[in-house]
Amino acid sequence: MSPHTMIAGIGNIFLRDDAFGVELAQRLESEQLPDGVQVVDYGIRGMHLAYDLLEIAPETTILLDAIPRGADPGTLFVLEIGLDDLPSVDPSTVDSHGMAPDAVLALLDNLGGSAGRTLLVGCQPATTEEGMGLSETVAAALEQAVEMVKDLLHDKGKDGDGNVQEEVVRTGTDRAGVRGDVAAGGDRAVPQDQRDVKATAANPRR
């Protein structure tokens, strides 16, 4: 039976904090998750992810990735991605080893597939220079990121229509809502230093 929720870790383990999504996926693989949830570490295999989503057609997809948004290193975000947020992609120009989450989803849409409701759990990196191992700050955020994903799987922090609630919550982690130049339509922001932050735009890496 195909999973109804796909959790995909994305990142390059040779670029320090870019491996956040990979490390988080590996943590989640050892967690007790609801039935029907599949966790896969895709690394830089974006094309593989797109074709897996095409075959599986999950109800929900949760992407895990490092996202530079100008916040303090270690800040965590939840982004909800809709079809209107996706760039146009020419399949012939796709780099199969360097795809950002929005490019993966745009390719999937181009192929006629759907990732279902799509969320991205990301972390502000401290460094993406060459090297292995997360920075101390980003590594310290992994435990909270695990709980964030588990909350999403149990549908916490959303309104009656299943959207991420537009509110500020003080729990020690930043949660926010959109990518690129798209205006924020639903986000949760919780800064680690307890300052109120309301994010209105984001720029995923790569």
Protein backbone atom coordinates (compact mmCIF):
# COMPACT_ATOMS: atom_id res chain seq x y z
CA MET A 1 0.00 0.00 0.00
CA SER A 2 1.37 3.43 -0.94
CA PRO A 3 2.01 5.88 1.90
CA HIS A 4 -0.48 8.72 2.28
CA THR A 5 2.28 10.98 3.66
CA MET A 6 5.78 11.25 2.20
CA ILE A 7 8.55 12.88 4.25
CA ALA A 8 11.59 13.68 2.11
CA GLY A 9 14.97 14.78 3.43
CA ILE A 10 16.87 17.01 0.98
CA GLY A 11 20.44 18.31 1.16
CA ASN A 12 24.12 17.89 0.42
CA ILE A 13 26.05 16.21 3.24
CA PHE A 14 29.30 17.74 1.95
CA LEU A 15 28.09 21.32 2.50
CA ARG A 16 27.81 21.42 6.30
CA ASP A 17 24.36 22.76 7.31
CA ASP A 18 22.91 21.99 3.87
CA ALA A 19 22.62 18.46 5.29
CA PHE A 20 19.92 19.56 7.76
CA GLY A 21 17.13 17.81 5.83
CA VAL A 22 19.17 14.61 5.54
CA GLU A 23 19.98 14.56 9.26
CA LEU A 24 16.37 15.28 10.19
CA ALA A 25 15.08 12.47 7.96
CA GLN A 26 17.48 10.05 9.61
CA ARG A 27 16.25 11.12 13.06
CA LEU A 28 12.63 10.66 12.01
CA GLU A 29 13.31 7.15 10.71
CA SER A 30 13.86 6.04 14.31
CA GLU A 31 10.70 7.77 15.62
CA GLN A 32 7.30 6.17 16.16
CA LEU A 33 5.24 7.79 13.40
CA PRO A 34 1.61 7.27 12.34
CA ASP A 35 0.71 4.48 9.94
CA GLY A 36 0.98 5.42 6.29
CA VAL A 37 3.98 7.72 6.74
CA GLN A 38 7.15 7.05 4.74
CA VAL A 39 10.45 8.82 5.50
CA VAL A 40 13.18 8.85 2.83
CA ASP A 41 16.59 10.53 2.74
CA TYR A 42 16.89 11.76 -0.86
CA GLY A 43 20.02 13.85 -0.39
CA ILE A 44 20.63 15.60 -3.72
CA ARG A 45 18.54 13.14 -5.75
CA GLY A 46 15.83 15.64 -6.64
CA MET A 47 14.88 13.93 -9.88
CA HIS A 48 14.43 10.65 -8.00
CA LEU A 49 12.13 12.41 -5.52
CA ALA A 50 10.03 13.93 -8.30
CA TYR A 51 9.49 10.54 -9.95
CA ASP A 52 8.75 8.83 -6.64
CA LEU A 53 6.08 11.43 -5.90
CA LEU A 54 4.68 10.92 -9.39
CA GLU A 55 4.33 7.19 -8.71
CA ILE A 56 3.11 7.41 -5.11
CA ALA A 57 0.79 10.46 -5.43
CA PRO A 58 0.67 11.02 -1.63
CA GLU A 59 -2.06 13.00 0.09
CA THR A 60 0.60 15.04 1.93
CA THR A 61 4.29 15.69 1.31
CA ILE A 62 6.64 17.15 3.93
CA LEU A 63 9.99 18.30 2.59
CA LEU A 64 12.96 18.78 4.94
CA ASP A 65 15.65 21.22 3.86
CA ALA A 66 18.05 24.01 4.85
CA ILE A 67 16.58 27.41 3.92
CA PRO A 68 18.53 30.69 4.06
CA ARG A 69 15.99 33.38 5.01
CA GLY A 70 18.19 35.87 6.80
CA ALA A 71 17.10 34.69 10.25
CA ASP A 72 19.32 33.63 13.13
CA PRO A 73 21.12 30.32 12.45
CA GLY A 74 19.13 27.40 13.79
CA THR A 75 15.77 29.13 13.26
CA LEU A 76 13.14 26.64 12.07
CA PHE A 77 10.38 27.31 9.57
CA VAL A 78 7.23 25.62 8.30
CA LEU A 79 6.33 26.71 4.75
CA GLU A 80 3.16 25.71 2.94
CA ILE A 81 3.72 25.53 -0.81
CA GLY A 82 0.90 25.84 -3.32
CA LEU A 83 0.86 25.48 -7.11
CA ASP A 84 0.87 29.26 -7.50
CA ASP A 85 4.24 29.36 -5.71
CA LEU A 86 6.01 27.12 -8.24
CA PRO A 87 8.29 28.37 -11.03
CA SER A 88 7.94 27.10 -14.58
CA VAL A 89 10.44 24.33 -15.31
CA ASP A 90 11.72 22.99 -18.63
CA PRO A 91 12.46 19.28 -17.94
CA SER A 92 15.37 19.36 -20.41
CA THR A 93 17.18 21.94 -18.27
CA VAL A 94 16.71 20.22 -14.90
CA ASP A 95 19.86 19.46 -12.88
CA SER A 96 19.14 16.07 -11.32
CA HIS A 97 21.75 16.64 -8.60
CA GLY A 98 20.93 20.19 -7.56
CA MET A 99 17.18 20.65 -7.38
CA ALA A 100 15.60 23.01 -4.89
CA PRO A 101 12.26 21.89 -3.41
CA ASP A 102 10.27 24.27 -5.61
CA ALA A 103 12.01 22.91 -8.72
CA VAL A 104 11.20 19.33 -7.68
CA LEU A 105 7.52 20.23 -7.28
CA ALA A 106 7.45 22.22 -10.51
CA LEU A 107 8.90 19.27 -12.41
CA LEU A 108 6.35 16.96 -10.79
CA ASP A 109 3.54 19.29 -11.88
CA ASN A 110 5.01 19.39 -15.40
CA LEU A 111 4.90 15.58 -15.46
CA GLY A 112 1.22 15.64 -14.50
CA GLY A 113 1.73 14.48 -10.91
CA SER A 114 0.84 15.90 -7.53
CA ALA A 115 2.53 15.93 -4.14
CA GLY A 116 -0.79 16.63 -2.44
CA ARG A 117 -0.73 19.16 0.38
CA THR A 118 2.91 20.24 0.52
CA LEU A 119 4.78 21.54 3.56
CA LEU A 120 8.44 22.34 3.94
CA VAL A 121 10.19 22.18 7.31
CA GLY A 122 13.39 24.15 7.03
CA CYS A 123 16.24 25.54 9.08
CA GLN A 124 18.33 28.68 8.70
CA PRO A 125 21.90 27.42 8.14
CA ALA A 126 24.93 28.88 9.89
CA THR A 127 27.27 27.76 7.10
CA THR A 128 27.06 25.89 3.82
CA GLU A 129 30.78 25.88 3.15
CA GLU A 130 32.42 22.64 2.07
CA GLY A 131 32.80 20.16 4.90
CA MET A 132 30.88 17.47 6.74
CA GLY A 133 28.84 17.75 9.91
CA LEU A 134 26.22 20.26 10.98
CA SER A 135 27.21 23.39 12.85
CA GLU A 136 26.56 23.26 16.58
CA THR A 137 23.64 25.69 16.27
CA VAL A 138 21.83 23.78 13.55
CA ALA A 139 22.51 20.41 15.19
CA ALA A 140 20.90 21.75 18.36
CA ALA A 141 17.71 22.53 16.40
CA LEU A 142 17.18 18.94 15.25
CA GLU A 143 15.30 17.78 18.35
CA GLN A 144 12.77 20.62 18.06
CA ALA A 145 12.49 19.98 14.31
CA VAL A 146 11.55 16.36 15.00
CA GLU A 147 8.74 17.52 17.29
CA MET A 148 7.64 20.06 14.68
CA VAL A 149 7.25 17.34 12.05
CA LYS A 150 5.40 15.09 14.47
CA ASP A 151 3.03 17.97 15.27
CA LEU A 152 2.31 18.38 11.55
CA LEU A 153 1.63 14.66 11.20
CA HIS A 154 -0.93 14.91 13.98
CA ASP A 155 -2.46 18.01 12.33
CA LYS A 156 -1.57 20.36 15.18
CA GLY A 157 -1.08 24.08 14.65
CA LYS A 158 -3.58 24.29 11.78
CA ASP A 159 -6.99 25.88 11.38
CA GLY A 160 -10.21 24.05 10.55
CA ASP A 161 -9.36 24.01 6.84
CA GLY A 162 -5.98 22.38 7.45
CA ASN A 163 -3.95 25.54 6.86
CA VAL A 164 -0.98 26.50 9.01
CA GLN A 165 -2.36 29.05 11.45
CA GLU A 166 -1.38 32.67 11.08
CA GLU A 167 -0.13 33.41 14.57
CA VAL A 168 2.91 33.97 16.75
CA VAL A 169 3.60 31.15 19.19
CA ARG A 170 6.31 31.28 21.85
CA THR A 171 7.82 27.81 22.04
CA GLY A 172 11.43 28.48 21.14
CA THR A 173 11.37 27.74 17.40
CA ASP A 174 10.56 29.92 14.39
CA ARG A 175 7.77 28.73 12.13
CA ALA A 176 6.87 30.64 8.99
CA GLY A 177 4.87 30.32 5.83
CA VAL A 178 5.85 31.16 2.21
CA ARG A 179 8.68 31.01 -0.27
CA GLY A 180 10.21 33.48 -2.69
CA ASP A 181 8.33 36.74 -3.25
CA VAL A 182 4.94 35.26 -2.37
CA ALA A 183 3.04 37.15 0.32
CA ALA A 184 2.51 35.20 3.51
CA GLY A 185 -0.78 33.39 3.44
CA GLY A 186 -0.43 31.31 6.59
CA ASP A 187 2.50 30.97 8.92
CA ARG A 188 3.65 30.34 12.45
CA ALA A 189 6.67 32.25 13.69
CA VAL A 190 8.44 31.40 16.93
CA PRO A 191 11.94 32.87 17.26
CA GLN A 192 14.50 31.00 19.32
CA ASP A 193 15.50 34.15 21.18
CA GLN A 194 11.82 34.77 22.10
CA ARG A 195 11.47 37.91 19.93
CA ASP A 196 8.23 38.14 17.91
CA VAL A 197 8.92 37.58 14.23
CA LYS A 198 6.35 37.61 11.43
CA ALA A 199 7.94 36.43 8.17
CA THR A 200 6.43 37.67 4.91
CA ALA A 201 8.86 36.31 2.30
CA ALA A 202 11.49 33.63 1.89
CA ASN A 203 14.13 32.60 -0.60
CA PRO A 204 14.87 28.86 -0.65
CA ARG A 205 18.44 28.08 -1.58
CA ARG A 206 19.96 26.73 -4.78
